[in-house]
Amino acid sequence: QVQLVESGGGLVEAGGSLRLSCAASGIIFKINTMRWYRQAPGKQRELVASISSGYLTNYADSVKGRFTISRDNAKNTVDLQMNSLKPEDTAVYYCNSRRVPGSPAEYWGQGTQVTVSS
């Protein structure tokens, strides 16, 4: 039974910051890559950031230098610190993982809304 629960979304003015958190259960957390995706209205879901079991991170070009992904294996959580937010960051943000690495089955949280006003 896999469960991913996001929190921390909200409304913020351009230039502001938010910190998202995802709490995971039902997966072997410490061996899995964790990911944050987002989906804006009328657009495809896109990968924002990922962090591997070895703490290797990757970011979409659009968020490099502004967003930071981190994980806490003791708490089974992955966070996304978002700074210098722009209106184009407005989207529903989703946490994503697999139960074990390499599994074709992916799991998603319910999503948390981030709205950035201009």
N, C-alpha and C. Protein backbone atom coordinates (compact mmCIF):
# COMPACT_ATOMS: atom_id res chain seq x y z
N GLN A 1 0.84 -1.18 0.00
CA GLN A 1 0.00 0.00 0.00
C GLN A 1 0.88 1.24 0.00
N VAL A 2 0.97 1.87 -1.15
CA VAL A 2 1.81 3.04 -1.33
C VAL A 2 0.97 4.29 -1.13
N GLN A 3 1.52 5.22 -0.38
CA GLN A 3 0.86 6.49 -0.18
C GLN A 3 1.88 7.61 -0.20
N LEU A 4 1.59 8.63 -0.99
CA LEU A 4 2.40 9.84 -1.07
C LEU A 4 1.48 11.02 -0.78
N VAL A 5 1.84 11.83 0.18
CA VAL A 5 0.99 12.93 0.60
C VAL A 5 1.77 14.22 0.57
N GLU A 6 1.35 15.13 -0.31
CA GLU A 6 2.00 16.43 -0.45
C GLU A 6 1.34 17.46 0.45
N SER A 7 2.13 18.44 0.86
CA SER A 7 1.61 19.56 1.63
C SER A 7 2.49 20.78 1.37
N GLY A 8 2.00 21.94 1.76
CA GLY A 8 2.79 23.15 1.71
C GLY A 8 2.44 24.13 0.60
N GLY A 9 1.54 23.75 -0.29
CA GLY A 9 1.15 24.66 -1.35
C GLY A 9 0.34 25.83 -0.82
N GLY A 10 0.15 26.80 -1.69
CA GLY A 10 -0.61 27.97 -1.31
C GLY A 10 -0.47 29.08 -2.31
N LEU A 11 -0.90 30.26 -1.89
CA LEU A 11 -0.85 31.46 -2.72
C LEU A 11 0.30 32.34 -2.26
N VAL A 12 1.12 32.78 -3.19
CA VAL A 12 2.26 33.61 -2.87
C VAL A 12 2.46 34.63 -3.98
N GLU A 13 2.99 35.79 -3.63
CA GLU A 13 3.30 36.80 -4.63
C GLU A 13 4.59 36.47 -5.35
N ALA A 14 4.71 36.97 -6.57
CA ALA A 14 5.95 36.79 -7.32
C ALA A 14 7.14 37.26 -6.51
N GLY A 15 8.20 36.46 -6.54
CA GLY A 15 9.38 36.74 -5.75
C GLY A 15 9.39 36.08 -4.40
N GLY A 16 8.27 35.53 -4.00
CA GLY A 16 8.17 34.89 -2.70
C GLY A 16 8.65 33.45 -2.72
N SER A 17 8.45 32.78 -1.59
CA SER A 17 8.94 31.41 -1.41
C SER A 17 7.86 30.51 -0.81
N LEU A 18 7.96 29.24 -1.13
CA LEU A 18 7.16 28.20 -0.52
C LEU A 18 8.03 26.96 -0.35
N ARG A 19 7.67 26.15 0.63
CA ARG A 19 8.35 24.87 0.82
C ARG A 19 7.30 23.77 0.79
N LEU A 20 7.44 22.87 -0.17
CA LEU A 20 6.55 21.73 -0.29
C LEU A 20 7.18 20.52 0.39
N SER A 21 6.34 19.66 0.91
CA SER A 21 6.81 18.44 1.54
C SER A 21 5.96 17.27 1.08
N CYS A 22 6.59 16.12 0.93
CA CYS A 22 5.92 14.88 0.56
C CYS A 22 6.29 13.81 1.56
N ALA A 23 5.29 13.23 2.18
CA ALA A 23 5.49 12.13 3.12
C ALA A 23 5.13 10.82 2.43
N ALA A 24 6.05 9.87 2.46
CA ALA A 24 5.88 8.61 1.75
C ALA A 24 5.72 7.45 2.71
N SER A 25 4.90 6.50 2.32
CA SER A 25 4.77 5.25 3.05
C SER A 25 4.51 4.13 2.05
N GLY A 26 4.84 2.91 2.43
CA GLY A 26 4.61 1.77 1.56
C GLY A 26 5.65 1.56 0.49
N ILE A 27 6.74 2.30 0.53
CA ILE A 27 7.84 2.13 -0.41
C ILE A 27 9.13 1.96 0.39
N ILE A 28 10.14 1.38 -0.27
CA ILE A 28 11.46 1.31 0.34
C ILE A 28 12.12 2.65 0.08
N PHE A 29 11.83 3.59 0.95
CA PHE A 29 12.12 4.99 0.67
C PHE A 29 13.60 5.24 0.35
N LYS A 30 14.48 4.70 1.17
CA LYS A 30 15.89 5.06 1.08
C LYS A 30 16.57 4.62 -0.21
N ILE A 31 15.99 3.66 -0.93
CA ILE A 31 16.60 3.17 -2.16
C ILE A 31 15.95 3.74 -3.42
N ASN A 32 14.95 4.56 -3.26
CA ASN A 32 14.20 5.08 -4.39
C ASN A 32 14.56 6.51 -4.73
N THR A 33 14.58 6.78 -6.03
CA THR A 33 14.59 8.16 -6.48
C THR A 33 13.23 8.79 -6.20
N MET A 34 13.24 9.99 -5.68
CA MET A 34 12.01 10.74 -5.43
C MET A 34 11.95 11.92 -6.40
N ARG A 35 10.75 12.26 -6.83
CA ARG A 35 10.58 13.27 -7.86
C ARG A 35 9.44 14.22 -7.53
N TRP A 36 9.59 15.44 -7.97
CA TRP A 36 8.50 16.41 -7.98
C TRP A 36 8.15 16.73 -9.43
N TYR A 37 6.88 16.61 -9.75
CA TYR A 37 6.34 17.03 -11.03
C TYR A 37 5.38 18.19 -10.80
N ARG A 38 5.02 18.86 -11.89
CA ARG A 38 3.98 19.86 -11.82
C ARG A 38 3.17 19.85 -13.10
N GLN A 39 1.94 20.30 -12.99
CA GLN A 39 1.07 20.40 -14.14
C GLN A 39 0.28 21.70 -14.06
N ALA A 40 0.51 22.55 -15.05
CA ALA A 40 -0.21 23.81 -15.16
C ALA A 40 -1.44 23.60 -16.03
N PRO A 41 -2.44 24.46 -15.89
CA PRO A 41 -3.64 24.32 -16.72
C PRO A 41 -3.32 24.32 -18.20
N GLY A 42 -3.85 23.34 -18.92
CA GLY A 42 -3.65 23.25 -20.35
C GLY A 42 -2.30 22.75 -20.79
N LYS A 43 -1.47 22.32 -19.86
CA LYS A 43 -0.14 21.86 -20.19
C LYS A 43 0.09 20.43 -19.71
N GLN A 44 1.10 19.80 -20.29
CA GLN A 44 1.48 18.46 -19.88
C GLN A 44 2.18 18.49 -18.53
N ARG A 45 2.06 17.39 -17.82
CA ARG A 45 2.80 17.26 -16.58
C ARG A 45 4.30 17.20 -16.88
N GLU A 46 5.09 17.94 -16.12
CA GLU A 46 6.51 18.00 -16.37
C GLU A 46 7.30 17.71 -15.10
N LEU A 47 8.47 17.12 -15.29
CA LEU A 47 9.37 16.84 -14.18
C LEU A 47 10.06 18.13 -13.76
N VAL A 48 9.97 18.45 -12.48
CA VAL A 48 10.57 19.65 -11.94
C VAL A 48 11.93 19.36 -11.33
N ALA A 49 12.01 18.32 -10.50
CA ALA A 49 13.23 18.00 -9.80
C ALA A 49 13.21 16.55 -9.35
N SER A 50 14.38 15.97 -9.20
CA SER A 50 14.50 14.61 -8.68
C SER A 50 15.71 14.52 -7.77
N ILE A 51 15.66 13.54 -6.88
CA ILE A 51 16.79 13.27 -6.00
C ILE A 51 16.92 11.76 -5.85
N SER A 52 18.09 11.24 -6.12
CA SER A 52 18.32 9.81 -6.09
C SER A 52 18.61 9.32 -4.68
N SER A 53 18.73 8.00 -4.56
CA SER A 53 19.09 7.42 -3.27
C SER A 53 20.47 7.86 -2.81
N GLY A 54 21.32 8.23 -3.75
CA GLY A 54 22.64 8.75 -3.44
C GLY A 54 22.71 10.26 -3.36
N TYR A 55 21.56 10.91 -3.31
CA TYR A 55 21.42 12.35 -3.15
C TYR A 55 21.86 13.14 -4.38
N LEU A 56 21.92 12.47 -5.52
CA LEU A 56 22.15 13.16 -6.78
C LEU A 56 20.87 13.88 -7.19
N THR A 57 20.99 15.16 -7.52
CA THR A 57 19.82 15.96 -7.86
C THR A 57 19.83 16.41 -9.30
N ASN A 58 18.64 16.56 -9.85
CA ASN A 58 18.46 17.11 -11.19
C ASN A 58 17.28 18.06 -11.17
N TYR A 59 17.36 19.09 -12.01
CA TYR A 59 16.33 20.12 -12.06
C TYR A 59 15.98 20.47 -13.49
N ALA A 60 14.72 20.82 -13.69
CA ALA A 60 14.34 21.41 -14.96
C ALA A 60 15.05 22.74 -15.13
N ASP A 61 15.38 23.07 -16.37
CA ASP A 61 16.08 24.32 -16.63
C ASP A 61 15.33 25.52 -16.09
N SER A 62 14.02 25.47 -16.13
CA SER A 62 13.20 26.60 -15.73
C SER A 62 13.27 26.90 -14.24
N VAL A 63 13.75 25.96 -13.43
CA VAL A 63 13.78 26.17 -11.98
C VAL A 63 15.18 26.14 -11.41
N LYS A 64 16.18 25.88 -12.21
CA LYS A 64 17.55 25.83 -11.71
C LYS A 64 17.94 27.14 -11.06
N GLY A 65 18.56 27.03 -9.90
CA GLY A 65 18.98 28.19 -9.15
C GLY A 65 17.91 28.77 -8.26
N ARG A 66 16.68 28.30 -8.42
CA ARG A 66 15.57 28.81 -7.61
C ARG A 66 14.97 27.74 -6.69
N PHE A 67 14.93 26.50 -7.16
CA PHE A 67 14.34 25.41 -6.40
C PHE A 67 15.43 24.48 -5.88
N THR A 68 15.19 23.90 -4.72
CA THR A 68 16.10 22.92 -4.14
C THR A 68 15.30 21.72 -3.64
N ILE A 69 15.67 20.53 -4.09
CA ILE A 69 15.03 19.31 -3.62
C ILE A 69 15.93 18.67 -2.57
N SER A 70 15.31 18.09 -1.54
CA SER A 70 16.06 17.43 -0.49
C SER A 70 15.25 16.26 0.04
N ARG A 71 15.92 15.35 0.73
CA ARG A 71 15.23 14.20 1.30
C ARG A 71 15.73 13.92 2.69
N ASP A 72 14.86 13.34 3.50
CA ASP A 72 15.20 12.92 4.85
C ASP A 72 14.77 11.47 4.98
N ASN A 73 15.72 10.57 4.89
CA ASN A 73 15.39 9.14 4.91
C ASN A 73 14.86 8.68 6.27
N ALA A 74 15.24 9.38 7.33
CA ALA A 74 14.74 9.02 8.65
C ALA A 74 13.26 9.33 8.80
N LYS A 75 12.79 10.33 8.06
CA LYS A 75 11.39 10.74 8.12
C LYS A 75 10.57 10.27 6.93
N ASN A 76 11.23 9.68 5.93
CA ASN A 76 10.56 9.29 4.69
C ASN A 76 9.87 10.48 4.03
N THR A 77 10.59 11.58 3.94
CA THR A 77 10.04 12.78 3.33
C THR A 77 10.98 13.33 2.27
N VAL A 78 10.39 13.98 1.29
CA VAL A 78 11.15 14.72 0.29
C VAL A 78 10.53 16.11 0.19
N ASP A 79 11.37 17.13 0.21
CA ASP A 79 10.91 18.50 0.20
C ASP A 79 11.34 19.21 -1.08
N LEU A 80 10.63 20.27 -1.39
CA LEU A 80 11.00 21.14 -2.50
C LEU A 80 10.92 22.57 -2.01
N GLN A 81 12.08 23.18 -1.83
CA GLN A 81 12.15 24.58 -1.45
C GLN A 81 12.10 25.42 -2.72
N MET A 82 11.13 26.30 -2.81
CA MET A 82 10.91 27.11 -4.01
C MET A 82 11.10 28.57 -3.65
N ASN A 83 12.11 29.19 -4.23
CA ASN A 83 12.40 30.59 -4.01
C ASN A 83 12.23 31.38 -5.30
N SER A 84 12.15 32.69 -5.17
CA SER A 84 12.02 33.58 -6.32
C SER A 84 10.93 33.11 -7.27
N LEU A 85 9.78 32.82 -6.72
CA LEU A 85 8.69 32.25 -7.50
C LEU A 85 8.18 33.23 -8.55
N LYS A 86 7.78 32.65 -9.67
CA LYS A 86 7.27 33.40 -10.81
C LYS A 86 5.85 32.95 -11.12
N PRO A 87 5.05 33.80 -11.75
CA PRO A 87 3.70 33.38 -12.12
C PRO A 87 3.67 32.09 -12.94
N GLU A 88 4.67 31.87 -13.77
CA GLU A 88 4.71 30.65 -14.57
C GLU A 88 4.99 29.40 -13.76
N ASP A 89 5.30 29.54 -12.48
CA ASP A 89 5.43 28.39 -11.59
C ASP A 89 4.08 27.90 -11.09
N THR A 90 3.03 28.64 -11.37
CA THR A 90 1.70 28.24 -10.94
C THR A 90 1.32 26.90 -11.54
N ALA A 91 0.97 25.96 -10.69
CA ALA A 91 0.66 24.60 -11.13
C ALA A 91 0.24 23.78 -9.91
N VAL A 92 -0.26 22.58 -10.20
CA VAL A 92 -0.40 21.57 -9.16
C VAL A 92 0.89 20.78 -9.12
N TYR A 93 1.45 20.65 -7.95
CA TYR A 93 2.71 19.95 -7.77
C TYR A 93 2.47 18.57 -7.18
N TYR A 94 3.11 17.57 -7.78
CA TYR A 94 2.90 16.18 -7.41
C TYR A 94 4.20 15.51 -6.99
N CYS A 95 4.13 14.70 -5.98
CA CYS A 95 5.22 13.83 -5.56
C CYS A 95 5.10 12.51 -6.30
N ASN A 96 6.24 11.94 -6.71
CA ASN A 96 6.24 10.73 -7.51
C ASN A 96 7.36 9.80 -7.08
N SER A 97 7.07 8.50 -7.09
CA SER A 97 8.10 7.50 -6.81
C SER A 97 7.65 6.14 -7.30
N ARG A 98 8.48 5.15 -7.08
CA ARG A 98 8.18 3.75 -7.29
C ARG A 98 8.31 3.02 -5.97
N ARG A 99 7.70 1.85 -5.87
CA ARG A 99 7.80 1.10 -4.63
C ARG A 99 9.22 0.57 -4.46
N VAL A 100 9.81 0.11 -5.57
CA VAL A 100 11.21 -0.28 -5.61
C VAL A 100 11.79 0.24 -6.91
N PRO A 101 13.10 0.50 -6.96
CA PRO A 101 13.69 1.00 -8.20
C PRO A 101 13.48 0.05 -9.36
N GLY A 102 13.20 0.62 -10.52
CA GLY A 102 13.03 -0.16 -11.73
C GLY A 102 11.64 -0.71 -11.96
N SER A 103 10.78 -0.59 -11.00
CA SER A 103 9.41 -1.06 -11.18
C SER A 103 8.70 -0.22 -12.23
N PRO A 104 7.93 -0.86 -13.11
CA PRO A 104 7.19 -0.07 -14.10
C PRO A 104 6.04 0.71 -13.50
N ALA A 105 5.63 0.35 -12.32
CA ALA A 105 4.51 1.03 -11.68
C ALA A 105 4.99 2.28 -10.95
N GLU A 106 4.37 3.39 -11.25
CA GLU A 106 4.67 4.65 -10.58
C GLU A 106 3.51 5.06 -9.69
N TYR A 107 3.83 5.80 -8.65
CA TYR A 107 2.83 6.25 -7.69
C TYR A 107 2.89 7.76 -7.56
N TRP A 108 1.72 8.32 -7.31
CA TRP A 108 1.56 9.77 -7.27
C TRP A 108 0.79 10.18 -6.03
N GLY A 109 1.15 11.35 -5.51
CA GLY A 109 0.35 11.95 -4.47
C GLY A 109 -0.87 12.62 -5.06
N GLN A 110 -1.66 13.21 -4.19
CA GLN A 110 -2.90 13.86 -4.63
C GLN A 110 -2.65 15.23 -5.25
N GLY A 111 -1.48 15.79 -5.02
CA GLY A 111 -1.12 17.09 -5.55
C GLY A 111 -1.41 18.21 -4.57
N THR A 112 -0.62 19.27 -4.68
CA THR A 112 -0.84 20.47 -3.89
C THR A 112 -0.73 21.68 -4.81
N GLN A 113 -1.68 22.59 -4.69
CA GLN A 113 -1.76 23.74 -5.59
C GLN A 113 -0.79 24.83 -5.16
N VAL A 114 -0.03 25.32 -6.12
CA VAL A 114 0.83 26.48 -5.94
C VAL A 114 0.36 27.56 -6.90
N THR A 115 0.03 28.71 -6.37
CA THR A 115 -0.41 29.83 -7.18
C THR A 115 0.47 31.03 -6.89
N VAL A 116 1.08 31.58 -7.93
CA VAL A 116 1.97 32.72 -7.80
C VAL A 116 1.33 33.91 -8.50
N SER A 117 1.05 34.94 -7.76
CA SER A 117 0.41 36.13 -8.32
C SER A 117 1.47 37.14 -8.76
N SER A 118 1.10 37.97 -9.72
CA SER A 118 2.01 38.98 -10.24
C SER A 118 1.76 40.33 -9.61
